[in-house]
Amino acid sequence: MLQSYLPLPSPFVNLHIFTHSTETAIKRNKGKNKKGKKEISKIFHINRNEEKQKEKSTVESKNVKFESRIESKKKIFLESQVKDFQAACRSKQLSEIMKSNK
């Protein structure tokens, strides 16, 4: 019964209240959003720095592995060169001994 006597609110009034409240909410939240954005950017930078450190460590470990492979290949190559040289010396000595025995 009471509702029939009360005037109905205009939709324009509701729209004005809504837009006004959203504008004030946006103004109030500007500082908060900046803080939130700063925190988010800090977190992003921290995560990015961690990713860079991980990438550097993986690259360094790959470089160390690669260098150790190169060193082992050099060592194997040098050992084979020494063995070949020793074999050549032995064969030369044997050929000289054979010539002297004739």
N, C-alpha and C. Protein backbone atom coordinates (compact mmCIF):
# COMPACT_ATOMS: atom_id res chain seq x y z
N MET A 1 0.81 -1.19 0.00
CA MET A 1 0.00 0.00 0.00
C MET A 1 0.85 1.26 0.00
N LEU A 2 1.91 1.24 0.79
CA LEU A 2 2.76 2.41 0.84
C LEU A 2 3.46 2.65 -0.49
N GLN A 3 3.78 1.60 -1.16
CA GLN A 3 4.49 1.73 -2.43
C GLN A 3 3.66 2.48 -3.46
N SER A 4 2.42 2.35 -3.41
CA SER A 4 1.58 3.04 -4.40
C SER A 4 1.62 4.54 -4.19
N TYR A 5 1.89 5.01 -2.97
CA TYR A 5 1.92 6.44 -2.70
C TYR A 5 3.29 7.06 -2.95
N LEU A 6 4.34 6.24 -2.94
CA LEU A 6 5.68 6.78 -3.15
C LEU A 6 5.92 7.00 -4.64
N PRO A 7 6.60 8.10 -5.00
CA PRO A 7 6.88 8.32 -6.42
C PRO A 7 7.95 7.34 -6.91
N LEU A 8 7.81 6.91 -8.11
CA LEU A 8 8.79 5.99 -8.70
C LEU A 8 10.06 6.77 -9.06
N PRO A 9 11.22 6.23 -8.78
CA PRO A 9 12.45 6.94 -9.13
C PRO A 9 12.65 6.98 -10.64
N SER A 10 13.15 8.07 -11.08
CA SER A 10 13.40 8.23 -12.51
C SER A 10 14.65 7.44 -12.91
N PRO A 11 14.68 6.82 -14.06
CA PRO A 11 15.88 6.10 -14.49
C PRO A 11 17.06 7.03 -14.69
N PHE A 12 16.79 8.29 -15.01
CA PHE A 12 17.89 9.24 -15.20
C PHE A 12 18.59 9.54 -13.88
N VAL A 13 17.84 9.58 -12.80
CA VAL A 13 18.43 9.81 -11.49
C VAL A 13 19.35 8.64 -11.15
N ASN A 14 18.88 7.42 -11.39
CA ASN A 14 19.70 6.24 -11.11
C ASN A 14 20.97 6.26 -11.96
N LEU A 15 20.83 6.66 -13.21
CA LEU A 15 21.98 6.72 -14.10
C LEU A 15 22.99 7.74 -13.59
N HIS A 16 22.49 8.91 -13.14
CA HIS A 16 23.38 9.94 -12.62
C HIS A 16 24.10 9.43 -11.37
N ILE A 17 23.39 8.79 -10.49
CA ILE A 17 24.00 8.26 -9.26
C ILE A 17 25.05 7.21 -9.62
N PHE A 18 24.73 6.36 -10.58
CA PHE A 18 25.67 5.31 -10.99
C PHE A 18 26.94 5.90 -11.58
N THR A 19 26.79 6.86 -12.50
CA THR A 19 27.98 7.44 -13.13
C THR A 19 28.79 8.23 -12.11
N HIS A 20 28.10 8.94 -11.22
CA HIS A 20 28.82 9.71 -10.21
C HIS A 20 29.58 8.77 -9.28
N SER A 21 28.96 7.70 -8.89
CA SER A 21 29.62 6.77 -7.97
C SER A 21 30.81 6.09 -8.64
N THR A 22 30.68 5.77 -9.91
CA THR A 22 31.81 5.13 -10.59
C THR A 22 32.95 6.11 -10.78
N GLU A 23 32.63 7.37 -11.07
CA GLU A 23 33.69 8.37 -11.22
C GLU A 23 34.44 8.56 -9.91
N THR A 24 33.71 8.66 -8.81
CA THR A 24 34.38 8.83 -7.52
C THR A 24 35.17 7.58 -7.15
N ALA A 25 34.63 6.43 -7.49
CA ALA A 25 35.35 5.19 -7.19
C ALA A 25 36.65 5.14 -7.99
N ILE A 26 36.58 5.57 -9.24
CA ILE A 26 37.79 5.59 -10.07
C ILE A 26 38.81 6.56 -9.48
N LYS A 27 38.33 7.74 -9.06
CA LYS A 27 39.24 8.72 -8.47
C LYS A 27 39.87 8.19 -7.19
N ARG A 28 39.07 7.53 -6.37
CA ARG A 28 39.60 6.98 -5.12
C ARG A 28 40.60 5.86 -5.37
N ASN A 29 40.36 5.09 -6.40
CA ASN A 29 41.20 3.92 -6.65
C ASN A 29 42.44 4.24 -7.48
N LYS A 30 42.57 5.48 -7.92
CA LYS A 30 43.73 5.80 -8.76
C LYS A 30 45.03 5.53 -8.02
N GLY A 31 45.14 6.02 -6.81
CA GLY A 31 46.35 5.78 -6.03
C GLY A 31 46.54 4.31 -5.72
N LYS A 32 45.43 3.65 -5.42
CA LYS A 32 45.52 2.22 -5.11
C LYS A 32 45.96 1.44 -6.34
N ASN A 33 45.43 1.83 -7.48
CA ASN A 33 45.81 1.13 -8.71
C ASN A 33 47.29 1.35 -9.01
N LYS A 34 47.77 2.56 -8.75
CA LYS A 34 49.19 2.81 -8.98
C LYS A 34 50.03 1.92 -8.08
N LYS A 35 49.61 1.83 -6.82
CA LYS A 35 50.35 0.95 -5.90
C LYS A 35 50.28 -0.48 -6.38
N GLY A 36 49.09 -0.88 -6.80
CA GLY A 36 48.92 -2.24 -7.30
C GLY A 36 49.76 -2.48 -8.54
N LYS A 37 49.77 -1.48 -9.43
CA LYS A 37 50.57 -1.62 -10.65
C LYS A 37 52.06 -1.68 -10.31
N LYS A 38 52.47 -0.86 -9.33
CA LYS A 38 53.88 -0.89 -8.93
C LYS A 38 54.24 -2.25 -8.36
N GLU A 39 53.35 -2.77 -7.52
CA GLU A 39 53.62 -4.09 -6.94
C GLU A 39 53.68 -5.15 -8.02
N ILE A 40 52.73 -5.06 -8.96
CA ILE A 40 52.72 -6.03 -10.05
C ILE A 40 53.98 -5.90 -10.88
N SER A 41 54.39 -4.66 -11.17
CA SER A 41 55.60 -4.47 -11.97
C SER A 41 56.83 -4.96 -11.21
N LYS A 42 56.86 -4.74 -9.88
CA LYS A 42 57.98 -5.25 -9.10
C LYS A 42 58.03 -6.77 -9.18
N ILE A 43 56.87 -7.38 -9.01
CA ILE A 43 56.82 -8.84 -9.09
C ILE A 43 57.26 -9.30 -10.47
N PHE A 44 56.79 -8.60 -11.51
CA PHE A 44 57.17 -8.97 -12.87
C PHE A 44 58.67 -8.83 -13.06
N HIS A 45 59.24 -7.71 -12.57
CA HIS A 45 60.68 -7.51 -12.72
C HIS A 45 61.47 -8.54 -11.93
N ILE A 46 60.99 -8.87 -10.74
CA ILE A 46 61.67 -9.90 -9.95
C ILE A 46 61.63 -11.22 -10.69
N ASN A 47 60.45 -11.57 -11.20
CA ASN A 47 60.33 -12.83 -11.95
C ASN A 47 61.20 -12.80 -13.19
N ARG A 48 61.24 -11.66 -13.87
CA ARG A 48 62.03 -11.55 -15.09
C ARG A 48 63.52 -11.68 -14.76
N ASN A 49 63.94 -11.03 -13.64
CA ASN A 49 65.34 -11.14 -13.23
C ASN A 49 65.69 -12.58 -12.88
N GLU A 50 64.76 -13.27 -12.21
CA GLU A 50 65.01 -14.68 -11.88
C GLU A 50 65.14 -15.50 -13.16
N GLU A 51 64.28 -15.21 -14.14
CA GLU A 51 64.37 -15.93 -15.42
C GLU A 51 65.71 -15.66 -16.10
N LYS A 52 66.15 -14.40 -16.06
CA LYS A 52 67.43 -14.06 -16.67
C LYS A 52 68.57 -14.80 -15.98
N GLN A 53 68.52 -14.86 -14.64
CA GLN A 53 69.56 -15.57 -13.90
C GLN A 53 69.56 -17.05 -14.26
N LYS A 54 68.36 -17.63 -14.38
CA LYS A 54 68.28 -19.04 -14.76
C LYS A 54 68.85 -19.25 -16.15
N GLU A 55 68.50 -18.33 -17.08
CA GLU A 55 69.02 -18.44 -18.45
C GLU A 55 70.54 -18.33 -18.45
N LYS A 56 71.07 -17.38 -17.67
CA LYS A 56 72.52 -17.22 -17.60
C LYS A 56 73.18 -18.47 -17.04
N SER A 57 72.59 -19.02 -15.99
CA SER A 57 73.19 -20.21 -15.37
C SER A 57 73.13 -21.39 -16.32
N THR A 58 72.02 -21.53 -17.07
CA THR A 58 71.95 -22.65 -18.02
C THR A 58 72.93 -22.44 -19.16
N VAL A 59 73.07 -21.20 -19.62
CA VAL A 59 74.02 -20.92 -20.69
C VAL A 59 75.44 -21.18 -20.21
N GLU A 60 75.74 -20.75 -18.98
CA GLU A 60 77.07 -20.98 -18.43
C GLU A 60 77.35 -22.47 -18.27
N SER A 61 76.35 -23.21 -17.79
CA SER A 61 76.57 -24.65 -17.63
C SER A 61 76.74 -25.32 -18.98
N LYS A 62 75.99 -24.85 -19.99
CA LYS A 62 76.16 -25.40 -21.34
C LYS A 62 77.55 -25.06 -21.87
N ASN A 63 78.01 -23.83 -21.61
CA ASN A 63 79.35 -23.45 -22.06
C ASN A 63 80.42 -24.29 -21.38
N VAL A 64 80.25 -24.54 -20.09
CA VAL A 64 81.22 -25.36 -19.36
C VAL A 64 81.23 -26.77 -19.93
N LYS A 65 80.04 -27.32 -20.18
CA LYS A 65 79.96 -28.67 -20.75
C LYS A 65 80.63 -28.69 -22.12
N PHE A 66 80.35 -27.67 -22.93
CA PHE A 66 80.92 -27.60 -24.27
C PHE A 66 82.44 -27.49 -24.20
N GLU A 67 82.93 -26.62 -23.30
CA GLU A 67 84.38 -26.47 -23.15
C GLU A 67 85.02 -27.76 -22.66
N SER A 68 84.36 -28.45 -21.75
CA SER A 68 84.93 -29.71 -21.26
C SER A 68 84.96 -30.75 -22.38
N ARG A 69 83.95 -30.74 -23.23
CA ARG A 69 83.96 -31.65 -24.39
C ARG A 69 85.13 -31.32 -25.31
N ILE A 70 85.32 -30.03 -25.56
CA ILE A 70 86.43 -29.61 -26.43
C ILE A 70 87.76 -30.03 -25.83
N GLU A 71 87.92 -29.81 -24.51
CA GLU A 71 89.16 -30.20 -23.84
C GLU A 71 89.39 -31.70 -23.93
N SER A 72 88.34 -32.48 -23.72
CA SER A 72 88.51 -33.93 -23.79
C SER A 72 88.86 -34.37 -25.22
N LYS A 73 88.24 -33.72 -26.22
CA LYS A 73 88.56 -34.06 -27.62
C LYS A 73 90.00 -33.67 -27.95
N LYS A 74 90.45 -32.51 -27.44
CA LYS A 74 91.84 -32.10 -27.65
C LYS A 74 92.79 -33.10 -27.02
N LYS A 75 92.46 -33.52 -25.81
CA LYS A 75 93.30 -34.47 -25.10
C LYS A 75 93.39 -35.79 -25.87
N ILE A 76 92.23 -36.27 -26.33
CA ILE A 76 92.21 -37.52 -27.11
C ILE A 76 93.02 -37.36 -28.39
N PHE A 77 92.87 -36.22 -29.06
CA PHE A 77 93.60 -35.97 -30.30
C PHE A 77 95.10 -35.94 -30.04
N LEU A 78 95.51 -35.23 -28.99
CA LEU A 78 96.94 -35.16 -28.68
C LEU A 78 97.50 -36.52 -28.30
N GLU A 79 96.74 -37.30 -27.54
CA GLU A 79 97.19 -38.64 -27.19
C GLU A 79 97.36 -39.50 -28.44
N SER A 80 96.42 -39.38 -29.37
CA SER A 80 96.53 -40.16 -30.61
C SER A 80 97.73 -39.69 -31.43
N GLN A 81 98.00 -38.38 -31.43
CA GLN A 81 99.16 -37.86 -32.15
C GLN A 81 100.45 -38.40 -31.54
N VAL A 82 100.51 -38.43 -30.21
CA VAL A 82 101.70 -38.95 -29.53
C VAL A 82 101.89 -40.43 -29.86
N LYS A 83 100.81 -41.18 -29.82
CA LYS A 83 100.90 -42.61 -30.13
C LYS A 83 101.36 -42.83 -31.57
N ASP A 84 100.81 -42.04 -32.49
CA ASP A 84 101.22 -42.15 -33.89
C ASP A 84 102.71 -41.81 -34.04
N PHE A 85 103.15 -40.76 -33.35
CA PHE A 85 104.55 -40.37 -33.43
C PHE A 85 105.45 -41.46 -32.85
N GLN A 86 105.05 -42.02 -31.72
CA GLN A 86 105.84 -43.10 -31.11
C GLN A 86 105.89 -44.31 -32.03
N ALA A 87 104.75 -44.61 -32.65
CA ALA A 87 104.73 -45.75 -33.58
C ALA A 87 105.63 -45.47 -34.78
N ALA A 88 105.63 -44.24 -35.27
CA ALA A 88 106.49 -43.88 -36.40
C ALA A 88 107.96 -43.99 -36.00
N CYS A 89 108.29 -43.55 -34.81
CA CYS A 89 109.67 -43.66 -34.33
C CYS A 89 110.10 -45.12 -34.22
N ARG A 90 109.21 -45.94 -33.68
CA ARG A 90 109.54 -47.37 -33.55
C ARG A 90 109.75 -48.01 -34.91
N SER A 91 108.88 -47.67 -35.85
CA SER A 91 109.03 -48.26 -37.18
C SER A 91 110.32 -47.77 -37.85
N LYS A 92 110.67 -46.51 -37.62
CA LYS A 92 111.91 -45.98 -38.18
C LYS A 92 113.11 -46.68 -37.54
N GLN A 93 113.04 -46.85 -36.23
CA GLN A 93 114.13 -47.55 -35.53
C GLN A 93 114.24 -48.99 -36.02
N LEU A 94 113.08 -49.63 -36.19
CA LEU A 94 113.10 -51.00 -36.69
C LEU A 94 113.70 -51.08 -38.08
N SER A 95 113.33 -50.11 -38.92
CA SER A 95 113.87 -50.12 -40.29
C SER A 95 115.38 -49.88 -40.26
N GLU A 96 115.85 -49.00 -39.36
CA GLU A 96 117.29 -48.76 -39.25
C GLU A 96 118.01 -50.00 -38.73
N ILE A 97 117.40 -50.67 -37.77
CA ILE A 97 118.00 -51.90 -37.23
C ILE A 97 118.07 -52.97 -38.32
N MET A 98 117.02 -53.07 -39.09
CA MET A 98 116.99 -54.06 -40.18
C MET A 98 118.07 -53.75 -41.21
N LYS A 99 118.26 -52.46 -41.52
CA LYS A 99 119.29 -52.08 -42.49
C LYS A 99 120.69 -52.38 -41.94
N SER A 100 120.89 -52.11 -40.66
CA SER A 100 122.21 -52.35 -40.07
C SER A 100 122.50 -53.85 -39.95
N ASN A 101 121.48 -54.66 -39.79
CA ASN A 101 121.68 -56.11 -39.69
C ASN A 101 122.01 -56.72 -41.05
N LYS A 102 121.64 -56.10 -42.11
CA LYS A 102 121.91 -56.64 -43.44
C LYS A 102 123.30 -56.46 -43.81
